C-alpha atoms as a PDB file:
ATOM      1  CA  MET A   1     -24.921-123.109-201.635  1.00  0.00           C
ATOM      2  CA  LEU A   2     -26.604-120.429-203.666  1.00  0.00           C
ATOM      3  CA  LYS A   3     -28.858-118.027-201.792  1.00  0.00           C
ATOM      4  CA  LYS A   4     -32.603-118.369-202.308  1.00  0.00           C
ATOM      5  CA  PRO A   5     -32.945-115.324-204.628  1.00  0.00           C
ATOM      6  CA  GLN A   6     -30.168-116.790-206.798  1.00  0.00           C
ATOM      7  CA  ARG A   7     -32.017-120.066-207.443  1.00  0.00           C
ATOM      8  CA  ILE A   8     -34.822-121.063-209.779  1.00  0.00           C
ATOM      9  CA  THR A   9     -37.235-123.046-207.645  1.00  0.00           C
ATOM     10  CA  SER A  10     -40.643-123.059-209.318  1.00  0.00           C
ATOM     11  CA  ASN A  11     -41.663-125.479-212.037  1.00  0.00           C
ATOM     12  CA  LYS A  12     -43.312-122.575-213.880  1.00  0.00           C
ATOM     13  CA  ASP A  13     -39.967-120.757-214.186  1.00  0.00           C
ATOM     14  CA  PHE A  14     -38.219-123.920-215.372  1.00  0.00           C
ATOM     15  CA  GLN A  15     -40.869-124.550-218.029  1.00  0.00           C
ATOM     16  CA  ASN A  16     -40.866-120.916-219.143  1.00  0.00           C
ATOM     17  CA  THR A  17     -37.073-120.936-219.556  1.00  0.00           C
ATOM     18  CA  TYR A  18     -37.150-124.224-221.485  1.00  0.00           C
ATOM     19  CA  ARG A  19     -39.978-123.036-223.743  1.00  0.00           C
ATOM     20  CA  ARG A  20     -38.950-119.438-224.481  1.00  0.00           C
ATOM     21  CA  GLY A  21     -35.219-119.383-223.752  1.00  0.00           C
ATOM     22  CA  ARG A  22     -32.110-119.861-225.854  1.00  0.00           C
ATOM     23  CA  HIS A  23     -30.275-123.193-225.831  1.00  0.00           C
ATOM     24  CA  TYR A  24     -26.584-124.073-226.015  1.00  0.00           C
ATOM     25  CA  SER A  25     -25.037-127.503-225.653  1.00  0.00           C
ATOM     26  CA  SER A  26     -21.679-129.198-225.278  1.00  0.00           C
ATOM     27  CA  ALA A  27     -20.583-132.781-224.722  1.00  0.00           C
ATOM     28  CA  PHE A  28     -21.302-132.546-220.981  1.00  0.00           C
ATOM     29  CA  PHE A  29     -23.847-129.736-220.526  1.00  0.00           C
ATOM     30  CA  GLY A  30     -27.046-128.340-221.944  1.00  0.00           C
ATOM     31  CA  LEU A  31     -27.707-124.712-221.062  1.00  0.00           C
ATOM     32  CA  ASN A  32     -30.976-122.818-221.405  1.00  0.00           C
ATOM     33  CA  TYR A  33     -31.261-119.154-220.526  1.00  0.00           C
ATOM     34  CA  LEU A  34     -33.848-116.426-220.670  1.00  0.00           C
ATOM     35  CA  SER A  35     -33.782-112.804-219.556  1.00  0.00           C
ATOM     36  CA  ASN A  36     -35.848-112.145-216.449  1.00  0.00           C
ATOM     37  CA  ILE A  37     -37.563-109.133-214.913  1.00  0.00           C
ATOM     38  CA  TYR A  38     -35.869-109.440-211.513  1.00  0.00           C
ATOM     39  CA  GLY A  39     -32.517-107.939-212.487  1.00  0.00           C
ATOM     40  CA  LYS A  40     -30.651-110.789-210.772  1.00  0.00           C
ATOM     41  CA  THR A  41     -29.274-113.934-212.290  1.00  0.00           C
ATOM     42  CA  ARG A  42     -31.006-117.107-211.107  1.00  0.00           C
ATOM     43  CA  ILE A  43     -29.621-120.618-211.573  1.00  0.00           C
ATOM     44  CA  GLY A  44     -31.286-124.035-211.822  1.00  0.00           C
ATOM     45  CA  ILE A  45     -29.353-127.299-212.042  1.00  0.00           C
ATOM     46  CA  VAL A  46     -30.820-130.543-213.402  1.00  0.00           C
ATOM     47  CA  VAL A  47     -29.163-133.962-213.151  1.00  0.00           C
ATOM     48  CA  ASN A  48     -31.196-136.709-214.798  1.00  0.00           C
ATOM     49  CA  LYS A  49     -31.457-140.255-213.451  1.00  0.00           C
ATOM     50  CA  LYS A  50     -30.063-141.506-216.754  1.00  0.00           C
ATOM     51  CA  ILE A  51     -26.824-139.656-215.985  1.00  0.00           C
ATOM     52  CA  ALA A  52     -26.470-140.790-212.353  1.00  0.00           C
ATOM     53  CA  ARG A  53     -28.582-143.706-211.199  1.00  0.00           C
ATOM     54  CA  LYS A  54     -27.923-143.212-207.486  1.00  0.00           C
ATOM     55  CA  ALA A  55     -29.237-140.186-205.593  1.00  0.00           C
ATOM     56  CA  HIS A  56     -25.867-139.894-203.871  1.00  0.00           C
ATOM     57  CA  ASP A  57     -24.121-139.352-207.221  1.00  0.00           C
ATOM     58  CA  ARG A  58     -26.754-136.894-208.458  1.00  0.00           C
ATOM     59  CA  ASN A  59     -26.563-134.846-205.268  1.00  0.00           C
ATOM     60  CA  LEU A  60     -22.754-134.830-205.309  1.00  0.00           C
ATOM     61  CA  LEU A  61     -22.738-133.564-208.884  1.00  0.00           C
ATOM     62  CA  LYS A  62     -25.331-130.876-208.088  1.00  0.00           C
ATOM     63  CA  ARG A  63     -23.312-129.698-205.072  1.00  0.00           C
ATOM     64  CA  GLN A  64     -20.174-129.464-207.188  1.00  0.00           C
ATOM     65  CA  LEU A  65     -21.963-127.521-209.938  1.00  0.00           C
ATOM     66  CA  ARG A  66     -23.557-125.155-207.419  1.00  0.00           C
ATOM     67  CA  GLU A  67     -20.155-124.423-205.913  1.00  0.00           C
ATOM     68  CA  ILE A  68     -18.664-123.685-209.336  1.00  0.00           C
ATOM     69  CA  VAL A  69     -21.568-121.345-210.154  1.00  0.00           C
ATOM     70  CA  ARG A  70     -21.363-119.702-206.716  1.00  0.00           C
ATOM     71  CA  ALA A  71     -17.677-118.946-207.265  1.00  0.00           C
ATOM     72  CA  GLU A  72     -18.382-117.494-210.736  1.00  0.00           C
ATOM     73  CA  TYR A  73     -21.664-115.756-209.839  1.00  0.00           C
ATOM     74  CA  ASN A  74     -20.185-112.242-209.765  1.00  0.00           C
ATOM     75  CA  ASN A  75     -18.800-112.737-213.295  1.00  0.00           C
ATOM     76  CA  LEU A  76     -22.228-113.657-214.745  1.00  0.00           C
ATOM     77  CA  LYS A  77     -24.290-111.051-216.556  1.00  0.00           C
ATOM     78  CA  PRO A  78     -27.209-109.888-214.382  1.00  0.00           C
ATOM     79  CA  GLY A  79     -30.850-110.512-215.177  1.00  0.00           C
ATOM     80  CA  ALA A  80     -30.952-114.034-216.621  1.00  0.00           C
ATOM     81  CA  ASP A  81     -32.560-117.332-215.658  1.00  0.00           C
ATOM     82  CA  ILE A  82     -30.036-120.084-216.397  1.00  0.00           C
ATOM     83  CA  ILE A  83     -30.773-123.808-216.357  1.00  0.00           C
ATOM     84  CA  ILE A  84     -27.777-126.137-216.481  1.00  0.00           C
ATOM     85  CA  THR A  85     -28.558-129.705-217.545  1.00  0.00           C
ATOM     86  CA  THR A  86     -25.984-132.491-217.386  1.00  0.00           C
ATOM     87  CA  ARG A  87     -25.276-134.794-220.323  1.00  0.00           C
ATOM     88  CA  GLY A  88     -23.005-137.637-221.356  1.00  0.00           C
ATOM     89  CA  ASN A  89     -20.328-139.217-219.183  1.00  0.00           C
ATOM     90  CA  ILE A  90     -20.058-136.274-216.822  1.00  0.00           C
ATOM     91  CA  LEU A  91     -19.481-138.441-213.748  1.00  0.00           C
ATOM     92  CA  LYS A  92     -16.035-139.387-215.044  1.00  0.00           C
ATOM     93  CA  LEU A  93     -14.831-135.768-214.960  1.00  0.00           C
ATOM     94  CA  ASP A  94     -12.779-134.494-212.045  1.00  0.00           C
ATOM     95  CA  TYR A  95     -13.608-131.158-210.403  1.00  0.00           C
ATOM     96  CA  LYS A  96     -11.060-129.143-212.405  1.00  0.00           C
ATOM     97  CA  LYS A  97     -12.310-130.471-215.762  1.00  0.00           C
ATOM     98  CA  LEU A  98     -15.928-129.952-214.635  1.00  0.00           C
ATOM     99  CA  THR A  99     -15.116-126.309-213.833  1.00  0.00           C
ATOM    100  CA  ASP A 100     -13.424-125.776-217.197  1.00  0.00           C
ATOM    101  CA  GLU A 101     -16.326-127.318-219.137  1.00  0.00           C
ATOM    102  CA  LEU A 102     -18.947-125.252-217.302  1.00  0.00           C
ATOM    103  CA  LYS A 103     -16.997-122.006-217.779  1.00  0.00           C
ATOM    104  CA  SER A 104     -16.597-122.905-221.450  1.00  0.00           C
ATOM    105  CA  ILE A 105     -20.325-123.246-222.109  1.00  0.00           C
ATOM    106  CA  LEU A 106     -21.096-120.088-220.093  1.00  0.00           C
ATOM    107  CA  THR A 107     -18.563-118.211-222.224  1.00  0.00           C
ATOM    108  CA  LYS A 108     -19.969-119.724-225.432  1.00  0.00           C
ATOM    109  CA  SER A 109     -23.441-118.454-224.492  1.00  0.00           C
ATOM    110  CA  ASN A 110     -22.088-114.950-223.652  1.00  0.00           C
ATOM    111  CA  LEU A 111     -23.292-115.134-220.045  1.00  0.00           C
ATOM    112  CA  ILE A 112     -19.893-114.294-218.533  1.00  0.00           C
ATOM    113  CA  LYS A 113     -18.930-110.598-218.479  1.00  0.00           C
END
């Protein structure tokens, strides 16, 4: 679990990042990011009902993504709000492939040191 200061929790911050931030996408993820004034990187994860119909599946996917981000948190550049949105057939990926795909899009967006 990410600590409270490492999470984006308010709707205002989500909307601000979507509206003013940069966007990158891959087959399985959409990524929006925006520099923030806090000096710490904050993460928000969104899993749509179209991706996973059952709450159990959505929560499992969010827990897995949070763990991947938590493990890579020290490698992320400081001072960014990052929103990770799931896309496509992401439920069919195993944990290793999910990790590789997420690291790939973070590298593509230059958010990893």
